[in-house]
Amino acid sequence: MTNGDTNQLIIEPFANPFRAYPLGEDYQAFRTLFESGRTKCYVLNTGNYNGKKVTPAITLGSIEKIVRETGKFIPFGMLPRISYLSIEGMEVPFDDRAYRQLLQERLRIRTQYIRSLNAYHSLPKEAAESIENLIGQLAK
């Protein structure tokens, strides 16, 4: 986040700023891991969501629900292969056209980022294509 702008999307794929090997190696390793069917992927928002602060209590509560398998995951609107943990006060406004457009724009930014990577950190075409597929589903 720059200058407190909570609307700015930051893409930071590296946990280690001194990365000495290509991002594509991580991509392949994670793809293999997920294809094994022995792991799941969760994305936690620890900043702001739709103008509301995601507090540490919300984040920690979400982690606890995931670990204890007590959280209720529901389909993420028109994206059938994605679900989210329902959190009171953080409802997802799928009926709001502006929200759907924002989702599409954020996904486009990610696609542009993937396509802009230099040869050393390039990802397979399927990475951008899978995101473009999500954009298409949101546009329906």
Protein backbone atom coordinates (compact mmCIF):
# COMPACT_ATOMS: atom_id res chain seq x y z
CA MET A 1 0.00 0.00 0.00
CA THR A 2 1.33 3.40 -0.93
CA ASN A 3 0.34 6.64 0.82
CA GLY A 4 -2.50 4.88 2.64
CA ASP A 5 -4.39 4.12 -0.59
CA THR A 6 -6.39 1.01 0.27
CA ASN A 7 -7.64 0.74 -3.32
CA GLN A 8 -4.19 0.19 -4.81
CA LEU A 9 -3.42 -3.39 -5.77
CA ILE A 10 0.06 -4.54 -4.82
CA ILE A 11 1.48 -7.67 -6.42
CA GLU A 12 4.41 -9.11 -4.50
CA PRO A 13 5.06 -12.70 -5.55
CA PHE A 14 8.32 -13.10 -3.67
CA ALA A 15 8.50 -13.64 0.07
CA ASN A 16 12.27 -13.35 -0.24
CA PRO A 17 13.54 -10.18 -1.96
CA PHE A 18 16.84 -11.93 -2.73
CA ARG A 19 15.17 -14.64 -4.84
CA ALA A 20 17.91 -16.53 -6.65
CA TYR A 21 15.79 -18.84 -8.81
CA PRO A 22 12.96 -18.27 -11.30
CA LEU A 23 9.36 -17.72 -10.22
CA GLY A 24 8.40 -20.47 -12.69
CA GLU A 25 10.07 -23.02 -10.42
CA ASP A 26 7.73 -22.04 -7.58
CA TYR A 27 4.79 -22.18 -9.98
CA GLN A 28 5.62 -25.75 -11.03
CA ALA A 29 6.27 -26.86 -7.45
CA PHE A 30 2.94 -25.46 -6.25
CA ARG A 31 1.09 -26.88 -9.26
CA THR A 32 2.51 -30.33 -8.51
CA LEU A 33 1.58 -29.96 -4.84
CA PHE A 34 -2.03 -29.00 -5.61
CA GLU A 35 -2.43 -31.65 -8.30
CA SER A 36 -1.49 -34.31 -5.73
CA GLY A 37 -4.83 -33.62 -4.04
CA ARG A 38 -3.21 -33.69 -0.62
CA THR A 39 -3.30 -29.97 0.05
CA LYS A 40 -5.66 -27.01 -0.10
CA CYS A 41 -5.08 -23.34 -0.82
CA TYR A 42 -6.44 -20.47 1.26
CA VAL A 43 -6.03 -16.77 0.58
CA LEU A 44 -6.28 -14.54 3.64
CA ASN A 45 -6.97 -10.84 3.33
CA THR A 46 -5.16 -9.09 6.16
CA GLY A 47 -5.69 -5.52 5.03
CA ASN A 48 -8.97 -4.05 3.86
CA TYR A 49 -11.98 -5.51 2.11
CA ASN A 50 -14.54 -3.42 0.29
CA GLY A 51 -13.79 -0.36 2.42
CA LYS A 52 -13.69 -2.24 5.73
CA LYS A 53 -10.63 -3.04 7.85
CA VAL A 54 -9.85 -6.73 8.19
CA THR A 55 -8.81 -6.86 11.83
CA PRO A 56 -6.34 -9.31 13.36
CA ALA A 57 -9.30 -10.85 15.23
CA ILE A 58 -11.07 -11.55 11.92
CA THR A 59 -7.92 -13.04 10.39
CA LEU A 60 -7.09 -15.20 13.42
CA GLY A 61 -10.73 -16.27 13.73
CA SER A 62 -10.70 -17.31 10.08
CA ILE A 63 -7.53 -19.33 10.54
CA GLU A 64 -9.05 -21.06 13.56
CA LYS A 65 -12.20 -21.96 11.58
CA ILE A 66 -10.08 -23.35 8.75
CA VAL A 67 -7.89 -25.43 11.07
CA ARG A 68 -10.84 -26.74 13.09
CA GLU A 69 -12.91 -27.21 9.91
CA THR A 70 -15.81 -25.28 11.44
CA GLY A 71 -15.99 -22.49 8.87
CA LYS A 72 -18.75 -22.39 6.29
CA PHE A 73 -17.35 -22.01 2.80
CA ILE A 74 -19.82 -20.93 0.15
CA PRO A 75 -19.50 -20.62 -3.64
CA PHE A 76 -17.81 -17.43 -4.80
CA GLY A 77 -20.62 -16.11 -6.96
CA MET A 78 -20.28 -17.08 -10.58
CA LEU A 79 -16.89 -18.75 -10.10
CA PRO A 80 -17.88 -22.36 -9.34
CA ARG A 81 -14.41 -23.67 -8.49
CA ILE A 82 -13.78 -20.98 -5.88
CA SER A 83 -15.40 -20.66 -2.46
CA TYR A 84 -14.97 -18.28 0.44
CA LEU A 85 -15.40 -18.26 4.18
CA SER A 86 -18.52 -16.32 5.04
CA ILE A 87 -17.73 -13.60 7.61
CA GLU A 88 -20.44 -11.48 9.20
CA GLY A 89 -20.08 -7.86 8.14
CA MET A 90 -17.83 -8.79 5.19
CA GLU A 91 -20.50 -9.93 2.77
CA VAL A 92 -19.54 -10.28 -0.89
CA PRO A 93 -21.84 -8.08 -3.03
CA PHE A 94 -22.10 -10.28 -6.13
CA ASP A 95 -25.25 -8.44 -7.22
CA ASP A 96 -23.33 -5.16 -7.36
CA ARG A 97 -22.15 -4.56 -10.91
CA ALA A 98 -19.40 -2.19 -9.74
CA TYR A 99 -18.02 -4.92 -7.46
CA ARG A 100 -17.97 -7.46 -10.30
CA GLN A 101 -16.22 -4.91 -12.52
CA LEU A 102 -13.64 -4.30 -9.77
CA LEU A 103 -13.01 -8.06 -9.54
CA GLN A 104 -12.50 -8.21 -13.30
CA GLU A 105 -10.13 -5.23 -13.23
CA ARG A 106 -8.05 -6.73 -10.40
CA LEU A 107 -7.78 -9.99 -12.32
CA ARG A 108 -6.76 -8.09 -15.48
CA ILE A 109 -3.99 -6.37 -13.50
CA ARG A 110 -2.74 -9.78 -12.38
CA THR A 111 -2.83 -11.06 -15.97
CA GLN A 112 -0.87 -8.03 -17.17
CA TYR A 113 1.66 -8.58 -14.41
CA ILE A 114 2.13 -12.23 -15.38
CA ARG A 115 2.56 -11.31 -19.04
CA SER A 116 5.09 -8.58 -18.17
CA LEU A 117 7.50 -10.87 -16.32
CA ASN A 118 10.94 -11.08 -17.90
CA ALA A 119 12.19 -14.36 -19.35
CA TYR A 120 13.92 -15.38 -16.11
CA HIS A 121 10.69 -15.17 -14.10
CA SER A 122 8.20 -16.01 -16.86
CA LEU A 123 5.30 -18.33 -16.12
CA PRO A 124 3.59 -20.85 -18.42
CA LYS A 125 0.82 -19.42 -20.63
CA GLU A 126 -1.73 -21.38 -18.61
CA ALA A 127 -1.16 -19.05 -15.63
CA ALA A 128 -2.53 -16.00 -17.45
CA GLU A 129 -5.09 -18.06 -19.37
CA SER A 130 -6.63 -19.43 -16.17
CA ILE A 131 -7.10 -15.89 -14.85
CA GLU A 132 -8.57 -14.78 -18.18
CA ASN A 133 -11.05 -17.65 -17.85
CA LEU A 134 -12.16 -16.24 -14.48
CA ILE A 135 -12.59 -12.79 -16.06
CA GLY A 136 -14.78 -14.35 -18.74
CA GLN A 137 -16.95 -16.07 -16.14
CA LEU A 138 -17.39 -12.79 -14.25
CA ALA A 139 -18.42 -10.99 -17.45
CA LYS A 140 -21.41 -13.28 -18.01
